[in-house]
Amino acid sequence: MAYTDEHINDCEFFLGKGYKEIHLYLDQYTKEFPIALYLDYHRTFLHNDYGLAIIGNVYKEEGYKAGLIHIFRDYMECPIQFLPKDIVLQRARKAVMYYNNYTGE
């Protein structure tokens, strides 16, 4: 589970901007479903194509990429800055496919 600061650092590294508002948006359900009790259940709501579509409509392509990077980091649960940018964005689609099918069980 990456913290907001880690997501911001990843986006600053890959995109040159932190996009804090996107990370707070994607993780907003941690308030209703605390990680200590529900683990990664909060990801079932916006860590998918639905959440990325909303972000893309508001923040356009760079915001969409920030959402992909956020989801990929959560999926990998490890630092991703050692990976090439094109690989991160490519593999992030696999993470989104995982969360599109994730049921929380």
N, C-alpha and C. Protein backbone atom coordinates (compact mmCIF):
# COMPACT_ATOMS: atom_id res chain seq x y z
N MET A 1 0.85 -1.18 0.00
CA MET A 1 0.00 0.00 0.00
C MET A 1 0.88 1.23 0.00
N ALA A 2 0.81 1.97 -1.04
CA ALA A 2 1.61 3.20 -1.14
C ALA A 2 0.87 4.36 -0.47
N TYR A 3 1.62 5.21 0.16
CA TYR A 3 1.07 6.43 0.76
C TYR A 3 0.97 7.51 -0.31
N THR A 4 0.16 8.52 -0.04
CA THR A 4 -0.05 9.61 -1.00
C THR A 4 1.27 10.24 -1.41
N ASP A 5 2.17 10.46 -0.46
CA ASP A 5 3.47 11.06 -0.80
C ASP A 5 4.26 10.21 -1.79
N GLU A 6 4.15 8.89 -1.68
CA GLU A 6 4.85 8.01 -2.62
C GLU A 6 4.25 8.13 -4.02
N HIS A 7 2.93 8.21 -4.09
CA HIS A 7 2.28 8.40 -5.39
C HIS A 7 2.69 9.74 -6.01
N ILE A 8 2.74 10.77 -5.19
CA ILE A 8 3.16 12.09 -5.68
C ILE A 8 4.59 12.03 -6.19
N ASN A 9 5.48 11.40 -5.44
CA ASN A 9 6.89 11.28 -5.87
C ASN A 9 7.01 10.52 -7.18
N ASP A 10 6.24 9.45 -7.33
CA ASP A 10 6.27 8.69 -8.59
C ASP A 10 5.88 9.58 -9.77
N CYS A 11 4.80 10.33 -9.61
CA CYS A 11 4.33 11.18 -10.71
C CYS A 11 5.29 12.33 -11.00
N GLU A 12 5.88 12.88 -9.95
CA GLU A 12 6.89 13.92 -10.18
C GLU A 12 8.06 13.35 -10.96
N PHE A 13 8.46 12.14 -10.65
CA PHE A 13 9.58 11.49 -11.33
C PHE A 13 9.24 11.21 -12.80
N PHE A 14 8.07 10.64 -13.06
CA PHE A 14 7.71 10.22 -14.42
C PHE A 14 7.06 11.32 -15.25
N LEU A 15 6.29 12.20 -14.61
CA LEU A 15 5.51 13.19 -15.36
C LEU A 15 5.91 14.63 -15.10
N GLY A 16 6.74 14.86 -14.08
CA GLY A 16 7.17 16.21 -13.77
C GLY A 16 6.19 17.00 -12.91
N LYS A 17 5.12 16.36 -12.48
CA LYS A 17 4.10 16.99 -11.64
C LYS A 17 3.52 15.93 -10.71
N GLY A 18 3.20 16.31 -9.47
CA GLY A 18 2.76 15.34 -8.47
C GLY A 18 1.33 14.86 -8.56
N TYR A 19 0.41 15.70 -9.02
CA TYR A 19 -1.00 15.36 -9.14
C TYR A 19 -1.62 14.85 -7.83
N LYS A 20 -1.37 15.56 -6.75
CA LYS A 20 -1.89 15.15 -5.44
C LYS A 20 -3.40 14.95 -5.47
N GLU A 21 -4.12 15.83 -6.16
CA GLU A 21 -5.58 15.76 -6.19
C GLU A 21 -6.08 14.46 -6.81
N ILE A 22 -5.34 13.92 -7.77
CA ILE A 22 -5.72 12.66 -8.40
C ILE A 22 -5.54 11.51 -7.42
N HIS A 23 -4.45 11.53 -6.68
CA HIS A 23 -4.19 10.45 -5.72
C HIS A 23 -5.20 10.47 -4.58
N LEU A 24 -5.55 11.65 -4.12
CA LEU A 24 -6.58 11.76 -3.08
C LEU A 24 -7.93 11.29 -3.61
N TYR A 25 -8.22 11.61 -4.86
CA TYR A 25 -9.47 11.17 -5.48
C TYR A 25 -9.52 9.65 -5.56
N LEU A 26 -8.46 9.02 -6.07
CA LEU A 26 -8.45 7.57 -6.22
C LEU A 26 -8.56 6.85 -4.88
N ASP A 27 -8.00 7.42 -3.84
CA ASP A 27 -7.99 6.76 -2.53
C ASP A 27 -9.06 7.29 -1.58
N GLN A 28 -10.04 8.01 -2.09
CA GLN A 28 -11.04 8.63 -1.22
C GLN A 28 -11.84 7.63 -0.40
N TYR A 29 -11.98 6.40 -0.87
CA TYR A 29 -12.79 5.43 -0.14
C TYR A 29 -12.06 4.78 1.03
N THR A 30 -10.80 5.15 1.24
CA THR A 30 -10.11 4.65 2.44
C THR A 30 -10.72 5.26 3.70
N LYS A 31 -11.44 6.36 3.56
CA LYS A 31 -12.12 6.96 4.72
C LYS A 31 -13.29 6.09 5.17
N GLU A 32 -14.06 5.57 4.22
CA GLU A 32 -15.19 4.71 4.55
C GLU A 32 -14.78 3.27 4.83
N PHE A 33 -13.69 2.84 4.19
CA PHE A 33 -13.22 1.47 4.33
C PHE A 33 -11.74 1.49 4.73
N PRO A 34 -11.46 1.74 6.01
CA PRO A 34 -10.06 1.86 6.46
C PRO A 34 -9.23 0.63 6.10
N ILE A 35 -8.04 0.88 5.66
CA ILE A 35 -7.14 -0.19 5.22
C ILE A 35 -6.88 -1.19 6.34
N ALA A 36 -6.79 -0.71 7.57
CA ALA A 36 -6.53 -1.61 8.70
C ALA A 36 -7.63 -2.66 8.87
N LEU A 37 -8.84 -2.35 8.45
CA LEU A 37 -9.96 -3.29 8.57
C LEU A 37 -10.31 -3.99 7.26
N TYR A 38 -10.21 -3.26 6.15
CA TYR A 38 -10.71 -3.77 4.87
C TYR A 38 -9.62 -4.02 3.83
N LEU A 39 -8.36 -3.88 4.23
CA LEU A 39 -7.23 -4.07 3.32
C LEU A 39 -7.39 -3.21 2.07
N ASP A 40 -7.36 -3.80 0.88
CA ASP A 40 -7.40 -2.98 -0.34
C ASP A 40 -8.79 -2.89 -0.97
N TYR A 41 -9.83 -3.10 -0.18
CA TYR A 41 -11.20 -3.02 -0.71
C TYR A 41 -11.50 -1.66 -1.33
N HIS A 42 -10.91 -0.60 -0.81
CA HIS A 42 -11.16 0.74 -1.36
C HIS A 42 -10.79 0.84 -2.84
N ARG A 43 -9.92 -0.05 -3.29
CA ARG A 43 -9.48 -0.01 -4.69
C ARG A 43 -10.55 -0.48 -5.66
N THR A 44 -11.56 -1.18 -5.17
CA THR A 44 -12.59 -1.71 -6.07
C THR A 44 -13.44 -0.61 -6.69
N PHE A 45 -13.43 0.58 -6.13
CA PHE A 45 -14.31 1.64 -6.60
C PHE A 45 -13.73 2.45 -7.76
N LEU A 46 -12.48 2.89 -7.65
CA LEU A 46 -11.92 3.81 -8.64
C LEU A 46 -10.59 3.36 -9.25
N HIS A 47 -10.01 2.28 -8.77
CA HIS A 47 -8.75 1.79 -9.33
C HIS A 47 -9.07 0.88 -10.52
N ASN A 48 -9.73 1.44 -11.52
CA ASN A 48 -10.20 0.66 -12.66
C ASN A 48 -10.49 1.62 -13.83
N ASP A 49 -11.04 1.08 -14.91
CA ASP A 49 -11.33 1.91 -16.08
C ASP A 49 -12.32 3.02 -15.77
N TYR A 50 -13.27 2.76 -14.88
CA TYR A 50 -14.24 3.79 -14.50
C TYR A 50 -13.54 5.00 -13.88
N GLY A 51 -12.69 4.75 -12.89
CA GLY A 51 -11.96 5.84 -12.25
C GLY A 51 -11.04 6.56 -13.22
N LEU A 52 -10.37 5.80 -14.09
CA LEU A 52 -9.48 6.42 -15.07
C LEU A 52 -10.24 7.26 -16.09
N ALA A 53 -11.44 6.83 -16.45
CA ALA A 53 -12.24 7.61 -17.39
C ALA A 53 -12.62 8.96 -16.79
N ILE A 54 -12.99 8.96 -15.53
CA ILE A 54 -13.33 10.21 -14.86
C ILE A 54 -12.12 11.13 -14.80
N ILE A 55 -10.98 10.58 -14.40
CA ILE A 55 -9.75 11.37 -14.32
C ILE A 55 -9.36 11.90 -15.70
N GLY A 56 -9.46 11.06 -16.72
CA GLY A 56 -9.13 11.48 -18.07
C GLY A 56 -10.01 12.61 -18.57
N ASN A 57 -11.28 12.58 -18.22
CA ASN A 57 -12.20 13.65 -18.63
C ASN A 57 -11.84 14.98 -17.97
N VAL A 58 -11.41 14.92 -16.74
CA VAL A 58 -11.10 16.15 -15.99
C VAL A 58 -9.68 16.63 -16.27
N TYR A 59 -8.71 15.72 -16.21
CA TYR A 59 -7.29 16.10 -16.27
C TYR A 59 -6.61 15.77 -17.60
N LYS A 60 -7.36 15.21 -18.52
CA LYS A 60 -6.84 14.88 -19.86
C LYS A 60 -5.76 13.81 -19.79
N GLU A 61 -4.90 13.75 -20.81
CA GLU A 61 -3.96 12.64 -20.95
C GLU A 61 -2.95 12.54 -19.81
N GLU A 62 -2.38 13.65 -19.39
CA GLU A 62 -1.37 13.59 -18.31
C GLU A 62 -2.00 13.14 -16.99
N GLY A 63 -3.21 13.58 -16.73
CA GLY A 63 -3.90 13.13 -15.52
C GLY A 63 -4.23 11.65 -15.58
N TYR A 64 -4.62 11.20 -16.77
CA TYR A 64 -4.88 9.77 -16.99
C TYR A 64 -3.62 8.96 -16.69
N LYS A 65 -2.49 9.45 -17.18
CA LYS A 65 -1.22 8.76 -16.92
C LYS A 65 -0.90 8.74 -15.43
N ALA A 66 -1.20 9.83 -14.73
CA ALA A 66 -0.98 9.87 -13.28
C ALA A 66 -1.84 8.82 -12.59
N GLY A 67 -3.07 8.65 -13.06
CA GLY A 67 -3.93 7.60 -12.51
C GLY A 67 -3.37 6.22 -12.77
N LEU A 68 -2.87 5.99 -13.98
CA LEU A 68 -2.24 4.70 -14.30
C LEU A 68 -1.05 4.43 -13.39
N ILE A 69 -0.22 5.43 -13.21
CA ILE A 69 0.97 5.26 -12.37
C ILE A 69 0.55 4.95 -10.93
N HIS A 70 -0.48 5.62 -10.43
CA HIS A 70 -0.99 5.36 -9.09
C HIS A 70 -1.44 3.90 -8.95
N ILE A 71 -2.25 3.46 -9.90
CA ILE A 71 -2.78 2.10 -9.85
C ILE A 71 -1.66 1.08 -9.98
N PHE A 72 -0.71 1.35 -10.85
CA PHE A 72 0.42 0.42 -11.03
C PHE A 72 1.23 0.32 -9.74
N ARG A 73 1.49 1.43 -9.10
CA ARG A 73 2.25 1.41 -7.84
C ARG A 73 1.52 0.59 -6.78
N ASP A 74 0.20 0.78 -6.69
CA ASP A 74 -0.56 -0.01 -5.72
C ASP A 74 -0.52 -1.49 -6.07
N TYR A 75 -0.58 -1.80 -7.34
CA TYR A 75 -0.55 -3.19 -7.80
C TYR A 75 0.81 -3.82 -7.52
N MET A 76 1.87 -3.09 -7.78
CA MET A 76 3.23 -3.60 -7.57
C MET A 76 3.61 -3.61 -6.10
N GLU A 77 3.09 -2.64 -5.35
CA GLU A 77 3.41 -2.47 -3.93
C GLU A 77 4.92 -2.42 -3.68
N CYS A 78 5.62 -1.77 -4.58
CA CYS A 78 7.05 -1.55 -4.41
C CYS A 78 7.43 -0.32 -5.23
N PRO A 79 8.59 0.26 -4.98
CA PRO A 79 9.01 1.43 -5.78
C PRO A 79 9.07 1.08 -7.26
N ILE A 80 8.63 2.00 -8.08
CA ILE A 80 8.60 1.75 -9.53
C ILE A 80 9.52 2.69 -10.30
N GLN A 81 10.20 3.57 -9.61
CA GLN A 81 11.00 4.58 -10.31
C GLN A 81 12.23 4.00 -11.00
N PHE A 82 12.57 2.76 -10.71
CA PHE A 82 13.71 2.14 -11.39
C PHE A 82 13.32 1.59 -12.76
N LEU A 83 12.02 1.58 -13.07
CA LEU A 83 11.54 1.08 -14.36
C LEU A 83 11.47 2.21 -15.39
N PRO A 84 11.71 1.92 -16.67
CA PRO A 84 11.57 2.94 -17.71
C PRO A 84 10.12 3.41 -17.81
N LYS A 85 9.94 4.68 -18.13
CA LYS A 85 8.60 5.29 -18.18
C LYS A 85 7.65 4.53 -19.10
N ASP A 86 8.11 4.14 -20.29
CA ASP A 86 7.22 3.45 -21.21
C ASP A 86 6.78 2.09 -20.67
N ILE A 87 7.65 1.42 -19.94
CA ILE A 87 7.31 0.14 -19.34
C ILE A 87 6.27 0.33 -18.24
N VAL A 88 6.43 1.38 -17.44
CA VAL A 88 5.47 1.65 -16.36
C VAL A 88 4.08 1.85 -16.94
N LEU A 89 3.95 2.69 -17.95
CA LEU A 89 2.64 2.97 -18.52
C LEU A 89 2.06 1.74 -19.22
N GLN A 90 2.91 0.95 -19.85
CA GLN A 90 2.46 -0.26 -20.53
C GLN A 90 1.97 -1.29 -19.52
N ARG A 91 2.75 -1.54 -18.49
CA ARG A 91 2.37 -2.54 -17.49
C ARG A 91 1.23 -2.06 -16.60
N ALA A 92 1.05 -0.77 -16.52
CA ALA A 92 -0.05 -0.24 -15.72
C ALA A 92 -1.39 -0.71 -16.27
N ARG A 93 -1.50 -0.87 -17.57
CA ARG A 93 -2.75 -1.37 -18.15
C ARG A 93 -3.09 -2.75 -17.61
N LYS A 94 -2.09 -3.59 -17.35
CA LYS A 94 -2.34 -4.91 -16.77
C LYS A 94 -2.87 -4.77 -15.35
N ALA A 95 -2.35 -3.81 -14.62
CA ALA A 95 -2.85 -3.58 -13.26
C ALA A 95 -4.30 -3.14 -13.30
N VAL A 96 -4.66 -2.29 -14.26
CA VAL A 96 -6.05 -1.84 -14.39
C VAL A 96 -6.95 -3.03 -14.72
N MET A 97 -6.50 -3.91 -15.61
CA MET A 97 -7.29 -5.10 -15.93
C MET A 97 -7.52 -5.94 -14.68
N TYR A 98 -6.50 -6.05 -13.83
CA TYR A 98 -6.64 -6.79 -12.58
C TYR A 98 -7.72 -6.16 -11.71
N TYR A 99 -7.65 -4.86 -11.52
CA TYR A 99 -8.63 -4.19 -10.67
C TYR A 99 -10.02 -4.14 -11.29
N ASN A 100 -10.12 -4.15 -12.62
CA ASN A 100 -11.44 -4.22 -13.26
C ASN A 100 -12.16 -5.51 -12.88
N ASN A 101 -11.41 -6.57 -12.66
CA ASN A 101 -11.98 -7.87 -12.34
C ASN A 101 -11.92 -8.21 -10.86
N TYR A 102 -11.37 -7.34 -10.04
CA TYR A 102 -11.17 -7.60 -8.62
C TYR A 102 -12.49 -7.51 -7.87
N THR A 103 -12.78 -8.48 -7.05
CA THR A 103 -14.04 -8.49 -6.30
C THR A 103 -13.86 -8.16 -4.84
N GLY A 104 -12.64 -8.01 -4.38
CA GLY A 104 -12.39 -7.71 -2.97
C GLY A 104 -12.31 -8.94 -2.10
N GLU A 105 -12.34 -10.10 -2.70
CA GLU A 105 -12.29 -11.34 -1.91
C GLU A 105 -10.89 -11.90 -1.88
